[in-house]
PDB file of N, CA and C in Angstrom:
ATOM      1  N   MET A   1       0.829  -1.190   0.000  1.00  0.00           N
ATOM      2  CA  MET A   1       0.000   0.000   0.000  1.00  0.00           C
ATOM      3  C   MET A   1       0.879   1.263   0.000  1.00  0.00           C
ATOM      4  N   GLN A   2       1.850   1.276   0.887  1.00  0.00           N
ATOM      5  CA  GLN A   2       2.701   2.454   0.987  1.00  0.00           C
ATOM      6  C   GLN A   2       3.508   2.648  -0.293  1.00  0.00           C
ATOM      7  N   ARG A   3       3.932   1.534  -0.900  1.00  0.00           N
ATOM      8  CA  ARG A   3       4.714   1.611  -2.132  1.00  0.00           C
ATOM      9  C   ARG A   3       3.889   2.220  -3.267  1.00  0.00           C
ATOM     10  N   SER A   4       2.617   1.841  -3.382  1.00  0.00           N
ATOM     11  CA  SER A   4       1.769   2.394  -4.439  1.00  0.00           C
ATOM     12  C   SER A   4       1.515   3.883  -4.217  1.00  0.00           C
ATOM     13  N   VAL A   5       1.423   4.311  -2.978  1.00  0.00           N
ATOM     14  CA  VAL A   5       1.265   5.741  -2.668  1.00  0.00           C
ATOM     15  C   VAL A   5       2.527   6.495  -3.081  1.00  0.00           C
ATOM     16  N   GLN A   6       3.683   5.903  -2.806  1.00  0.00           N
ATOM     17  CA  GLN A   6       4.949   6.524  -3.202  1.00  0.00           C
ATOM     18  C   GLN A   6       5.075   6.604  -4.721  1.00  0.00           C
ATOM     19  N   ASN A   7       4.659   5.529  -5.410  1.00  0.00           N
ATOM     20  CA  ASN A   7       4.705   5.531  -6.873  1.00  0.00           C
ATOM     21  C   ASN A   7       3.770   6.595  -7.456  1.00  0.00           C
ATOM     22  N   ALA A   8       2.588   6.734  -6.862  1.00  0.00           N
ATOM     23  CA  ALA A   8       1.637   7.742  -7.336  1.00  0.00           C
ATOM     24  C   ALA A   8       2.189   9.148  -7.116  1.00  0.00           C
ATOM     25  N   GLN A   9       2.811   9.369  -5.975  1.00  0.00           N
ATOM     26  CA  GLN A   9       3.406  10.684  -5.694  1.00  0.00           C
ATOM     27  C   GLN A   9       4.559  10.973  -6.641  1.00  0.00           C
ATOM     28  N   ALA A  10       5.359   9.957  -6.930  1.00  0.00           N
ATOM     29  CA  ALA A  10       6.472  10.131  -7.864  1.00  0.00           C
ATOM     30  C   ALA A  10       5.956  10.464  -9.258  1.00  0.00           C
ATOM     31  N   ALA A  11       4.872   9.825  -9.680  1.00  0.00           N
ATOM     32  CA  ALA A  11       4.284  10.109 -10.986  1.00  0.00           C
ATOM     33  C   ALA A  11       3.738  11.532 -11.036  1.00  0.00           C
ATOM     34  N   ARG A  12       3.094  11.981  -9.958  1.00  0.00           N
ATOM     35  CA  ARG A  12       2.592  13.364  -9.904  1.00  0.00           C
ATOM     36  C   ARG A  12       3.752  14.358  -9.974  1.00  0.00           C
ATOM     37  N   ASN A  13       4.814  14.075  -9.237  1.00  0.00           N
ATOM     38  CA  ASN A  13       5.983  14.958  -9.257  1.00  0.00           C
ATOM     39  C   ASN A  13       6.608  15.013 -10.648  1.00  0.00           C
ATOM     40  N   GLU A  14       6.696  13.848 -11.297  1.00  0.00           N
ATOM     41  CA  GLU A  14       7.266  13.796 -12.643  1.00  0.00           C
ATOM     42  C   GLU A  14       6.388  14.584 -13.622  1.00  0.00           C
ATOM     43  N   GLY A  15       5.083  14.423 -13.507  1.00  0.00           N
ATOM     44  CA  GLY A  15       4.160  15.155 -14.369  1.00  0.00           C
ATOM     45  C   GLY A  15       4.258  16.660 -14.157  1.00  0.00           C
ATOM     46  N   GLN A  16       4.350  17.083 -12.908  1.00  0.00           N
ATOM     47  CA  GLN A  16       4.476  18.510 -12.605  1.00  0.00           C
ATOM     48  C   GLN A  16       5.799  19.054 -13.146  1.00  0.00           C
ATOM     49  N   GLY A  17       6.860  18.270 -13.008  1.00  0.00           N
ATOM     50  CA  GLY A  17       8.162  18.692 -13.544  1.00  0.00           C
ATOM     51  C   GLY A  17       8.115  18.847 -15.051  1.00  0.00           C
ATOM     52  N   GLU A  18       7.483  17.908 -15.744  1.00  0.00           N
ATOM     53  CA  GLU A  18       7.360  17.986 -17.200  1.00  0.00           C
ATOM     54  C   GLU A  18       6.515  19.194 -17.605  1.00  0.00           C
ATOM     55  N   ARG A  19       5.425  19.444 -16.865  1.00  0.00           N
ATOM     56  CA  ARG A  19       4.568  20.602 -17.159  1.00  0.00           C
ATOM     57  C   ARG A  19       5.354  21.904 -16.981  1.00  0.00           C
ATOM     58  N   ASP A  20       6.134  21.996 -15.906  1.00  0.00           N
ATOM     59  CA  ASP A  20       6.949  23.194 -15.672  1.00  0.00           C
ATOM     60  C   ASP A  20       7.993  23.375 -16.783  1.00  0.00           C
ATOM     61  N   LYS A  21       8.602  22.273 -17.189  1.00  0.00           N
ATOM     62  CA  LYS A  21       9.612  22.326 -18.255  1.00  0.00           C
ATOM     63  C   LYS A  21       8.990  22.833 -19.554  1.00  0.00           C
ATOM     64  N   LEU A  22       7.850  22.266 -19.937  1.00  0.00           N
ATOM     65  CA  LEU A  22       7.195  22.677 -21.183  1.00  0.00           C
ATOM     66  C   LEU A  22       6.719  24.126 -21.116  1.00  0.00           C
ATOM     67  N   SER A  23       6.286  24.549 -19.951  1.00  0.00           N
ATOM     68  CA  SER A  23       5.861  25.944 -19.778  1.00  0.00           C
ATOM     69  C   SER A  23       7.033  26.899 -19.983  1.00  0.00           C
ATOM     70  N   LEU A  24       8.188  26.560 -19.430  1.00  0.00           N
ATOM     71  CA  LEU A  24       9.373  27.406 -19.589  1.00  0.00           C
ATOM     72  C   LEU A  24       9.857  27.406 -21.041  1.00  0.00           C
ATOM     73  N   ILE A  25       9.798  26.243 -21.701  1.00  0.00           N
ATOM     74  CA  ILE A  25      10.185  26.166 -23.111  1.00  0.00           C
ATOM     75  C   ILE A  25       9.258  27.050 -23.943  1.00  0.00           C
ATOM     76  N   SER A  26       7.976  26.997 -23.660  1.00  0.00           N
ATOM     77  CA  SER A  26       7.004  27.802 -24.393  1.00  0.00           C
ATOM     78  C   SER A  26       7.266  29.297 -24.222  1.00  0.00           C
ATOM     79  N   GLU A  27       7.553  29.706 -23.007  1.00  0.00           N
ATOM     80  CA  GLU A  27       7.864  31.121 -22.749  1.00  0.00           C
ATOM     81  C   GLU A  27       9.115  31.546 -23.518  1.00  0.00           C
ATOM     82  N   GLY A  28      10.125  30.689 -23.501  1.00  0.00           N
ATOM     83  CA  GLY A  28      11.359  30.992 -24.227  1.00  0.00           C
ATOM     84  C   GLY A  28      11.123  31.093 -25.718  1.00  0.00           C
ATOM     85  N   GLN A  29      10.290  30.200 -26.264  1.00  0.00           N
ATOM     86  CA  GLN A  29       9.997  30.232 -27.701  1.00  0.00           C
ATOM     87  C   GLN A  29       9.208  31.490 -28.074  1.00  0.00           C
ATOM     88  N   GLU A  30       8.291  31.904 -27.206  1.00  0.00           N
ATOM     89  CA  GLU A  30       7.547  33.144 -27.479  1.00  0.00           C
ATOM     90  C   GLU A  30       8.500  34.344 -27.532  1.00  0.00           C
ATOM     91  N   LYS A  31       9.448  34.390 -26.613  1.00  0.00           N
ATOM     92  CA  LYS A  31      10.432  35.480 -26.621  1.00  0.00           C
ATOM     93  C   LYS A  31      11.317  35.391 -27.856  1.00  0.00           C
ATOM     94  N   GLN A  32      11.676  34.170 -28.251  1.00  0.00           N
ATOM     95  CA  GLN A  32      12.513  33.967 -29.434  1.00  0.00           C
ATOM     96  C   GLN A  32      11.783  34.450 -30.689  1.00  0.00           C
ATOM     97  N   VAL A  33      10.497  34.146 -30.800  1.00  0.00           N
ATOM     98  CA  VAL A  33       9.703  34.604 -31.951  1.00  0.00           C
ATOM     99  C   VAL A  33       9.658  36.123 -31.961  1.00  0.00           C
ATOM    100  N   GLY A  34       9.564  36.730 -30.789  1.00  0.00           N
ATOM    101  CA  GLY A  34       9.544  38.183 -30.708  1.00  0.00           C
ATOM    102  C   GLY A  34      10.837  38.809 -31.188  1.00  0.00           C
ATOM    103  N   VAL A  35      11.952  38.136 -30.974  1.00  0.00           N
ATOM    104  CA  VAL A  35      13.248  38.675 -31.369  1.00  0.00           C
ATOM    105  C   VAL A  35      13.589  38.313 -32.819  1.00  0.00           C
ATOM    106  N   LEU A  36      13.446  37.041 -33.158  1.00  0.00           N
ATOM    107  CA  LEU A  36      13.881  36.561 -34.473  1.00  0.00           C
ATOM    108  C   LEU A  36      12.797  36.627 -35.538  1.00  0.00           C
ATOM    109  N   GLY A  37      11.559  36.590 -35.116  1.00  0.00           N
ATOM    110  CA  GLY A  37      10.457  36.491 -36.067  1.00  0.00           C
ATOM    111  C   GLY A  37      10.074  35.034 -36.246  1.00  0.00           C
ATOM    112  N   PRO A  38       8.845  34.782 -36.693  1.00  0.00           N
ATOM    113  CA  PRO A  38       8.379  33.397 -36.776  1.00  0.00           C
ATOM    114  C   PRO A  38       9.155  32.538 -37.769  1.00  0.00           C
ATOM    115  N   GLU A  39       9.480  33.087 -38.933  1.00  0.00           N
ATOM    116  CA  GLU A  39      10.163  32.295 -39.962  1.00  0.00           C
ATOM    117  C   GLU A  39      11.557  31.864 -39.509  1.00  0.00           C
ATOM    118  N   SER A  40      12.310  32.793 -38.951  1.00  0.00           N
ATOM    119  CA  SER A  40      13.665  32.472 -38.486  1.00  0.00           C
ATOM    120  C   SER A  40      13.631  31.507 -37.308  1.00  0.00           C
ATOM    121  N   THR A  41      12.616  31.631 -36.459  1.00  0.00           N
ATOM    122  CA  THR A  41      12.492  30.724 -35.324  1.00  0.00           C
ATOM    123  C   THR A  41      12.235  29.299 -35.802  1.00  0.00           C
ATOM    124  N   VAL A  42      11.387  29.155 -36.821  1.00  0.00           N
ATOM    125  CA  VAL A  42      11.110  27.826 -37.378  1.00  0.00           C
ATOM    126  C   VAL A  42      12.377  27.252 -38.004  1.00  0.00           C
ATOM    127  N   LYS A  43      13.113  28.066 -38.766  1.00  0.00           N
ATOM    128  CA  LYS A  43      14.354  27.588 -39.391  1.00  0.00           C
ATOM    129  C   LYS A  43      15.374  27.172 -38.333  1.00  0.00           C
ATOM    130  N   LEU A  44      15.485  27.948 -37.270  1.00  0.00           N
ATOM    131  CA  LEU A  44      16.414  27.613 -36.188  1.00  0.00           C
ATOM    132  C   LEU A  44      16.032  26.287 -35.548  1.00  0.00           C
ATOM    133  N   ARG A  45      14.752  26.089 -35.308  1.00  0.00           N
ATOM    134  CA  ARG A  45      14.295  24.836 -34.689  1.00  0.00           C
ATOM    135  C   ARG A  45      14.552  23.652 -35.619  1.00  0.00           C
ATOM    136  N   GLN A  46      14.313  23.835 -36.905  1.00  0.00           N
ATOM    137  CA  GLN A  46      14.595  22.770 -37.871  1.00  0.00           C
ATOM    138  C   GLN A  46      16.078  22.416 -37.859  1.00  0.00           C
ATOM    139  N   PHE A  47      16.927  23.430 -37.797  1.00  0.00           N
ATOM    140  CA  PHE A  47      18.375  23.209 -37.758  1.00  0.00           C
ATOM    141  C   PHE A  47      18.760  22.442 -36.495  1.00  0.00           C
ATOM    142  N   GLU A  48      18.187  22.840 -35.353  1.00  0.00           N
ATOM    143  CA  GLU A  48      18.483  22.158 -34.096  1.00  0.00           C
ATOM    144  C   GLU A  48      18.054  20.685 -34.150  1.00  0.00           C
ATOM    145  N   LEU A  49      16.877  20.427 -34.718  1.00  0.00           N
ATOM    146  CA  LEU A  49      16.399  19.046 -34.834  1.00  0.00           C
ATOM    147  C   LEU A  49      17.287  18.227 -35.771  1.00  0.00           C
ATOM    148  N   MET A  50      17.743  18.855 -36.870  1.00  0.00           N
ATOM    149  CA  MET A  50      18.616  18.161 -37.804  1.00  0.00           C
ATOM    150  C   MET A  50      19.942  17.800 -37.126  1.00  0.00           C
ATOM    151  N   LEU A  51      20.530  18.750 -36.416  1.00  0.00           N
ATOM    152  CA  LEU A  51      21.790  18.474 -35.711  1.00  0.00           C
ATOM    153  C   LEU A  51      21.615  17.374 -34.669  1.00  0.00           C
ATOM    154  N   ASP A  52      20.483  17.398 -33.975  1.00  0.00           N
ATOM    155  CA  ASP A  52      20.211  16.377 -32.973  1.00  0.00           C
ATOM    156  C   ASP A  52      20.096  14.999 -33.625  1.00  0.00           C
ATOM    157  N   THR A  53      19.420  14.939 -34.768  1.00  0.00           N
ATOM    158  CA  THR A  53      19.276  13.671 -35.497  1.00  0.00           C
ATOM    159  C   THR A  53      20.629  13.161 -35.971  1.00  0.00           C
ATOM    160  N   ILE A  54      21.459  14.048 -36.512  1.00  0.00           N
ATOM    161  CA  ILE A  54      22.794  13.654 -36.979  1.00  0.00           C
ATOM    162  C   ILE A  54      23.648  13.175 -35.813  1.00  0.00           C
ATOM    163  N   ALA A  55      23.571  13.866 -34.685  1.00  0.00           N
ATOM    164  CA  ALA A  55      24.357  13.473 -33.511  1.00  0.00           C
ATOM    165  C   ALA A  55      23.929  12.096 -33.008  1.00  0.00           C
ATOM    166  N   LYS A  56      22.623  11.844 -32.984  1.00  0.00           N
ATOM    167  CA  LYS A  56      22.142  10.526 -32.548  1.00  0.00           C
ATOM    168  C   LYS A  56      22.614   9.436 -33.508  1.00  0.00           C
ATOM    169  N   PHE A  57      22.538   9.723 -34.814  1.00  0.00           N
ATOM    170  CA  PHE A  57      22.994   8.750 -35.803  1.00  0.00           C
ATOM    171  C   PHE A  57      24.493   8.492 -35.656  1.00  0.00           C
ATOM    172  N   ALA A  58      25.266   9.567 -35.474  1.00  0.00           N
ATOM    173  CA  ALA A  58      26.723   9.428 -35.336  1.00  0.00           C
ATOM    174  C   ALA A  58      27.080   8.604 -34.105  1.00  0.00           C
ATOM    175  N   ASN A  59      26.355   8.799 -33.018  1.00  0.00           N
ATOM    176  CA  ASN A  59      26.622   8.018 -31.805  1.00  0.00           C
ATOM    177  C   ASN A  59      26.226   6.556 -31.979  1.00  0.00           C
ATOM    178  N   ALA A  60      25.157   6.312 -32.732  1.00  0.00           N
ATOM    179  CA  ALA A  60      24.693   4.939 -32.935  1.00  0.00           C
ATOM    180  C   ALA A  60      25.519   4.196 -33.986  1.00  0.00           C
ATOM    181  N   HIS A  61      26.061   4.938 -34.976  1.00  0.00           N
ATOM    182  CA  HIS A  61      26.777   4.315 -36.097  1.00  0.00           C
ATOM    183  C   HIS A  61      28.089   5.035 -36.398  1.00  0.00           C
ATOM    184  N   PRO A  62      29.054   5.019 -35.496  1.00  0.00           N
ATOM    185  CA  PRO A  62      30.305   5.749 -35.742  1.00  0.00           C
ATOM    186  C   PRO A  62      31.086   5.179 -36.928  1.00  0.00           C
ATOM    187  N   GLU A  63      30.841   3.934 -37.285  1.00  0.00           N
ATOM    188  CA  GLU A  63      31.577   3.329 -38.391  1.00  0.00           C
ATOM    189  C   GLU A  63      31.260   4.011 -39.723  1.00  0.00           C
ATOM    190  N   VAL A  64      30.085   4.605 -39.851  1.00  0.00           N
ATOM    191  CA  VAL A  64      29.725   5.304 -41.088  1.00  0.00           C
ATOM    192  C   VAL A  64      30.637   6.513 -41.291  1.00  0.00           C
ATOM    193  N   PHE A  65      30.846   7.279 -40.230  1.00  0.00           N
ATOM    194  CA  PHE A  65      31.695   8.459 -40.348  1.00  0.00           C
ATOM    195  C   PHE A  65      33.160   8.081 -40.499  1.00  0.00           C
ATOM    196  N   THR A  66      33.565   6.995 -39.860  1.00  0.00           N
ATOM    197  CA  THR A  66      34.939   6.520 -40.017  1.00  0.00           C
ATOM    198  C   THR A  66      35.199   6.133 -41.470  1.00  0.00           C
ATOM    199  N   ALA A  67      34.250   5.420 -42.065  1.00  0.00           N
ATOM    200  CA  ALA A  67      34.391   5.015 -43.470  1.00  0.00           C
ATOM    201  C   ALA A  67      34.369   6.234 -44.392  1.00  0.00           C
ATOM    202  N   ALA A  68      33.507   7.194 -44.105  1.00  0.00           N
ATOM    203  CA  ALA A  68      33.432   8.395 -44.944  1.00  0.00           C
ATOM    204  C   ALA A  68      34.737   9.181 -44.897  1.00  0.00           C
ATOM    205  N   LEU A  69      35.309   9.312 -43.724  1.00  0.00           N
ATOM    206  CA  LEU A  69      36.565  10.044 -43.604  1.00  0.00           C
ATOM    207  C   LEU A  69      37.724   9.278 -44.231  1.00  0.00           C
ATOM    208  N   ALA A  70      37.697   7.959 -44.122  1.00  0.00           N
ATOM    209  CA  ALA A  70      38.759   7.158 -44.721  1.00  0.00           C
ATOM    210  C   ALA A  70      38.719   7.223 -46.244  1.00  0.00           C
ATOM    211  N   ASN A  71      37.551   7.473 -46.804  1.00  0.00           N
ATOM    212  CA  ASN A  71      37.385   7.515 -48.255  1.00  0.00           C
ATOM    213  C   ASN A  71      37.119   8.921 -48.773  1.00  0.00           C
ATOM    214  N   ALA A  72      37.482   9.942 -47.993  1.00  0.00           N
ATOM    215  CA  ALA A  72      37.192  11.328 -48.364  1.00  0.00           C
ATOM    216  C   ALA A  72      37.825  11.714 -49.695  1.00  0.00           C
ATOM    217  N   GLN A  73      38.962  11.139 -50.027  1.00  0.00           N
ATOM    218  CA  GLN A  73      39.637  11.495 -51.272  1.00  0.00           C
ATOM    219  C   GLN A  73      38.788  11.145 -52.482  1.00  0.00           C
ATOM    220  N   LYS A  74      37.874  10.208 -52.355  1.00  0.00           N
ATOM    221  CA  LYS A  74      37.015   9.826 -53.478  1.00  0.00           C
ATOM    222  C   LYS A  74      35.998  10.911 -53.812  1.00  0.00           C
ATOM    223  N   PHE A  75      35.741  11.806 -52.861  1.00  0.00           N
ATOM    224  CA  PHE A  75      34.757  12.860 -53.068  1.00  0.00           C
ATOM    225  C   PHE A  75      35.377  14.139 -53.617  1.00  0.00           C
ATOM    226  N   VAL A  76      36.692  14.188 -53.729  1.00  0.00           N
ATOM    227  CA  VAL A  76      37.393  15.375 -54.209  1.00  0.00           C
ATOM    228  C   VAL A  76      37.954  15.062 -55.594  1.00  0.00           C
ATOM    229  N   PRO A  77      37.589  15.855 -56.601  1.00  0.00           N
ATOM    230  CA  PRO A  77      38.100  15.556 -57.944  1.00  0.00           C
ATOM    231  C   PRO A  77      39.609  15.776 -58.020  1.00  0.00           C
ATOM    232  N   ASN A  78      40.270  14.950 -58.849  1.00  0.00           N
ATOM    233  CA  ASN A  78      41.707  15.099 -59.049  1.00  0.00           C
ATOM    234  C   ASN A  78      42.022  16.231 -60.003  1.00  0.00           C
ATOM    235  N   VAL A  79      41.094  16.524 -60.921  1.00  0.00           N
ATOM    236  CA  VAL A  79      41.304  17.559 -61.917  1.00  0.00           C
ATOM    237  C   VAL A  79      40.180  18.572 -61.795  1.00  0.00           C
ATOM    238  N   GLU A  80      40.541  19.822 -61.751  1.00  0.00           N
ATOM    239  CA  GLU A  80      39.566  20.891 -61.668  1.00  0.00           C
ATOM    240  C   GLU A  80      39.391  21.462 -63.061  1.00  0.00           C
ATOM    241  N   VAL A  81      38.173  21.381 -63.601  1.00  0.00           N
ATOM    242  CA  VAL A  81      37.922  21.809 -64.973  1.00  0.00           C
ATOM    243  C   VAL A  81      36.903  22.936 -64.976  1.00  0.00           C
ATOM    244  N   GLY A  82      37.259  24.030 -65.599  1.00  0.00           N
ATOM    245  CA  GLY A  82      36.312  25.109 -65.849  1.00  0.00           C
ATOM    246  C   GLY A  82      35.806  25.858 -64.644  1.00  0.00           C
ATOM    247  N   THR A  83      36.531  25.865 -63.541  1.00  0.00           N
ATOM    248  CA  THR A  83      36.047  26.594 -62.378  1.00  0.00           C
ATOM    249  C   THR A  83      36.627  27.996 -62.306  1.00  0.00           C
ATOM    250  N   GLY A  84      37.584  28.286 -63.141  1.00  0.00           N
ATOM    251  CA  GLY A  84      38.183  29.623 -63.128  1.00  0.00           C
ATOM    252  C   GLY A  84      38.983  29.880 -61.869  1.00  0.00           C
ATOM    253  N   GLY A  85      39.530  28.833 -61.265  1.00  0.00           N
ATOM    254  CA  GLY A  85      40.297  28.995 -60.042  1.00  0.00           C
ATOM    255  C   GLY A  85      41.629  29.656 -60.325  1.00  0.00           C
ATOM    256  N   GLU A  86      41.678  30.953 -60.130  1.00  0.00           N
ATOM    257  CA  GLU A  86      42.902  31.694 -60.395  1.00  0.00           C
ATOM    258  C   GLU A  86      43.451  32.239 -59.093  1.00  0.00           C
ATOM    259  N   GLY A  87      44.691  32.539 -59.108  1.00  0.00           N
ATOM    260  CA  GLY A  87      45.311  33.184 -57.958  1.00  0.00           C
ATOM    261  C   GLY A  87      45.431  32.245 -56.777  1.00  0.00           C
ATOM    262  N   ILE A  88      45.403  32.832 -55.612  1.00  0.00           N
ATOM    263  CA  ILE A  88      45.663  32.085 -54.382  1.00  0.00           C
ATOM    264  C   ILE A  88      44.567  31.073 -54.095  1.00  0.00           C
ATOM    265  N   SER A  89      43.302  31.401 -54.411  1.00  0.00           N
ATOM    266  CA  SER A  89      42.224  30.457 -54.113  1.00  0.00           C
ATOM    267  C   SER A  89      42.360  29.194 -54.945  1.00  0.00           C
ATOM    268  N   GLY A  90      42.726  29.327 -56.216  1.00  0.00           N
ATOM    269  CA  GLY A  90      42.927  28.152 -57.051  1.00  0.00           C
ATOM    270  C   GLY A  90      44.072  27.303 -56.555  1.00  0.00           C
ATOM    271  N   MET A  91      45.142  27.951 -56.127  1.00  0.00           N
ATOM    272  CA  MET A  91      46.293  27.221 -55.612  1.00  0.00           C
ATOM    273  C   MET A  91      45.928  26.474 -54.329  1.00  0.00           C
ATOM    274  N   LEU A  92      45.186  27.133 -53.443  1.00  0.00           N
ATOM    275  CA  LEU A  92      44.788  26.486 -52.193  1.00  0.00           C
ATOM    276  C   LEU A  92      43.875  25.294 -52.451  1.00  0.00           C
ATOM    277  N   MET A  93      42.963  25.439 -53.410  1.00  0.00           N
ATOM    278  CA  MET A  93      42.080  24.320 -53.744  1.00  0.00           C
ATOM    279  C   MET A  93      42.874  23.154 -54.318  1.00  0.00           C
ATOM    280  N   ALA A  94      43.884  23.451 -55.131  1.00  0.00           N
ATOM    281  CA  ALA A  94      44.718  22.394 -55.701  1.00  0.00           C
ATOM    282  C   ALA A  94      45.487  21.667 -54.608  1.00  0.00           C
ATOM    283  N   ILE A  95      46.022  22.414 -53.661  1.00  0.00           N
ATOM    284  CA  ILE A  95      46.760  21.799 -52.551  1.00  0.00           C
ATOM    285  C   ILE A  95      45.825  20.939 -51.718  1.00  0.00           C
ATOM    286  N   LEU A  96      44.632  21.441 -51.432  1.00  0.00           N
ATOM    287  CA  LEU A  96      43.661  20.675 -50.656  1.00  0.00           C
ATOM    288  C   LEU A  96      43.281  19.395 -51.386  1.00  0.00           C
ATOM    289  N   GLY A  97      43.026  19.497 -52.677  1.00  0.00           N
ATOM    290  CA  GLY A  97      42.679  18.313 -53.459  1.00  0.00           C
ATOM    291  C   GLY A  97      43.785  17.283 -53.456  1.00  0.00           C
ATOM    292  N   GLN A  98      45.021  17.728 -53.622  1.00  0.00           N
ATOM    293  CA  GLN A  98      46.161  16.804 -53.616  1.00  0.00           C
ATOM    294  C   GLN A  98      46.350  16.172 -52.240  1.00  0.00           C
ATOM    295  N   THR A  99      46.153  16.963 -51.209  1.00  0.00           N
ATOM    296  CA  THR A  99      46.313  16.442 -49.853  1.00  0.00           C
ATOM    297  C   THR A  99      45.287  15.363 -49.578  1.00  0.00           C
ATOM    298  N   LEU A 100      44.034  15.618 -49.935  1.00  0.00           N
ATOM    299  CA  LEU A 100      42.990  14.630 -49.718  1.00  0.00           C
ATOM    300  C   LEU A 100      43.148  13.425 -50.633  1.00  0.00           C
ATOM    301  N   ALA A 101      43.778  13.610 -51.780  1.00  0.00           N
ATOM    302  CA  ALA A 101      43.948  12.513 -52.727  1.00  0.00           C
ATOM    303  C   ALA A 101      45.039  11.539 -52.301  1.00  0.00           C
ATOM    304  N   GLY A 102      45.810  11.882 -51.340  1.00  0.00           N
ATOM    305  CA  GLY A 102      46.815  10.913 -50.907  1.00  0.00           C
ATOM    306  C   GLY A 102      48.048  11.543 -50.311  1.00  0.00           C
ATOM    307  N   GLY A 103      47.973  12.784 -49.983  1.00  0.00           N
ATOM    308  CA  GLY A 103      49.091  13.415 -49.320  1.00  0.00           C
ATOM    309  C   GLY A 103      50.221  13.829 -50.226  1.00  0.00           C
ATOM    310  N   ALA A 104      49.985  13.865 -51.535  1.00  0.00           N
ATOM    311  CA  ALA A 104      51.050  14.276 -52.454  1.00  0.00           C
ATOM    312  C   ALA A 104      51.287  15.769 -52.323  1.00  0.00           C
ATOM    313  N   THR A 105      52.490  16.177 -52.588  1.00  0.00           N
ATOM    314  CA  THR A 105      52.815  17.596 -52.557  1.00  0.00           C
ATOM    315  C   THR A 105      52.544  18.192 -53.923  1.00  0.00           C
ATOM    316  N   PRO A 106      52.254  19.499 -53.997  1.00  0.00           N
ATOM    317  CA  PRO A 106      51.996  20.121 -55.287  1.00  0.00           C
ATOM    318  C   PRO A 106      53.178  19.927 -56.236  1.00  0.00           C
ATOM    319  N   GLY A 107      52.859  19.666 -57.511  1.00  0.00           N
ATOM    320  CA  GLY A 107      53.903  19.484 -58.510  1.00  0.00           C
ATOM    321  C   GLY A 107      54.317  18.037 -58.680  1.00  0.00           C
ATOM    322  N   THR A 108      53.747  17.140 -57.896  1.00  0.00           N
ATOM    323  CA  THR A 108      54.055  15.721 -58.054  1.00  0.00           C
ATOM    324  C   THR A 108      52.818  15.019 -58.571  1.00  0.00           C
ATOM    325  N   ASN A 109      53.027  13.883 -59.172  1.00  0.00           N
ATOM    326  CA  ASN A 109      51.927  13.098 -59.703  1.00  0.00           C
ATOM    327  C   ASN A 109      51.756  11.878 -58.817  1.00  0.00           C
ATOM    328  N   PRO A 110      50.682  11.829 -58.003  1.00  0.00           N
ATOM    329  CA  PRO A 110      50.523  10.695 -57.093  1.00  0.00           C
ATOM    330  C   PRO A 110      50.280   9.387 -57.831  1.00  0.00           C
ATOM    331  N   ALA A 111      49.847   9.446 -59.122  1.00  0.00           N
ATOM    332  CA  ALA A 111      49.595   8.222 -59.883  1.00  0.00           C
ATOM    333  C   ALA A 111      50.868   7.686 -60.538  1.00  0.00           C
ATOM    334  N   ALA A 112      51.925   8.491 -60.605  1.00  0.00           N
ATOM    335  CA  ALA A 112      53.169   8.059 -61.237  1.00  0.00           C
ATOM    336  C   ALA A 112      53.846   7.000 -60.395  1.00  0.00           C
ATOM    337  N   PRO A 113      54.465   6.005 -61.058  1.00  0.00           N
ATOM    338  CA  PRO A 113      55.159   4.967 -60.283  1.00  0.00           C
ATOM    339  C   PRO A 113      56.332   5.566 -59.512  1.00  0.00           C
ATOM    340  N   GLN A 114      56.488   5.116 -58.311  1.00  0.00           N
ATOM    341  CA  GLN A 114      57.544   5.622 -57.445  1.00  0.00           C
ATOM    342  C   GLN A 114      58.771   4.701 -57.600  1.00  0.00           C
ATOM    343  N   PRO A 115      59.972   5.259 -57.577  1.00  0.00           N
ATOM    344  CA  PRO A 115      61.165   4.413 -57.670  1.00  0.00           C
ATOM    345  C   PRO A 115      61.306   3.538 -56.428  1.00  0.00           C
ATOM    346  N   ALA A 116      61.899   2.394 -56.628  1.00  0.00           N
ATOM    347  CA  ALA A 116      62.123   1.478 -55.515  1.00  0.00           C
ATOM    348  C   ALA A 116      63.164   2.072 -54.572  1.00  0.00           C
ATOM    349  N   PRO A 117      62.996   1.891 -53.271  1.00  0.00           N
ATOM    350  CA  PRO A 117      63.984   2.432 -52.320  1.00  0.00           C
ATOM    351  C   PRO A 117      65.322   1.725 -52.484  1.00  0.00           C
ATOM    352  N   ARG A 118      66.395   2.488 -52.324  1.00  0.00           N
ATOM    353  CA  ARG A 118      67.752   1.932 -52.412  1.00  0.00           C
ATOM    354  C   ARG A 118      68.096   1.212 -51.140  1.00  0.00           C
ATOM    355  N   ARG A 119      68.912   0.182 -51.315  1.00  0.00           N
ATOM    356  CA  ARG A 119      69.321  -0.589 -50.117  1.00  0.00           C
ATOM    357  C   ARG A 119      70.776  -0.427 -49.876  1.00  0.00           C
TER     358      ARG A 119
END
C-alpha cells in the first residue's frame, strides 16, 4: 500500500516537472519569436532538430563516419575543370585536393610509379 502511494506521488511529481519544463520552453519560444520572427524561429528549430538527429545517428553508427573520412579522397576531384580557379584560391584548392587525394605535394603526380627504395 505504501509503495503504491509513493509511486503515485512520484508520478505526480514527474508530471508537474514535465509541465513546468514545457511551460518554460514555451515562454522561451515566445520570446525567441519576438526577437527573431516566426520564420527564423522555425528555421532555427529545424536546424536544431537536424543536428540532434545527426548526432544521434553518429553516436549509434560511428563506423559510417569513419568510413566516410577514410574515403574522403574519393569525393574530391583530381582535376579541376572550368572553375576559373585563379590566384591564391585556385592554388589552395589544388593543394587541398592533392592532400585529400593521398598526401602528395603540389607538382608531383601521385599516380606516377615511385622508384624502388635503395638498399
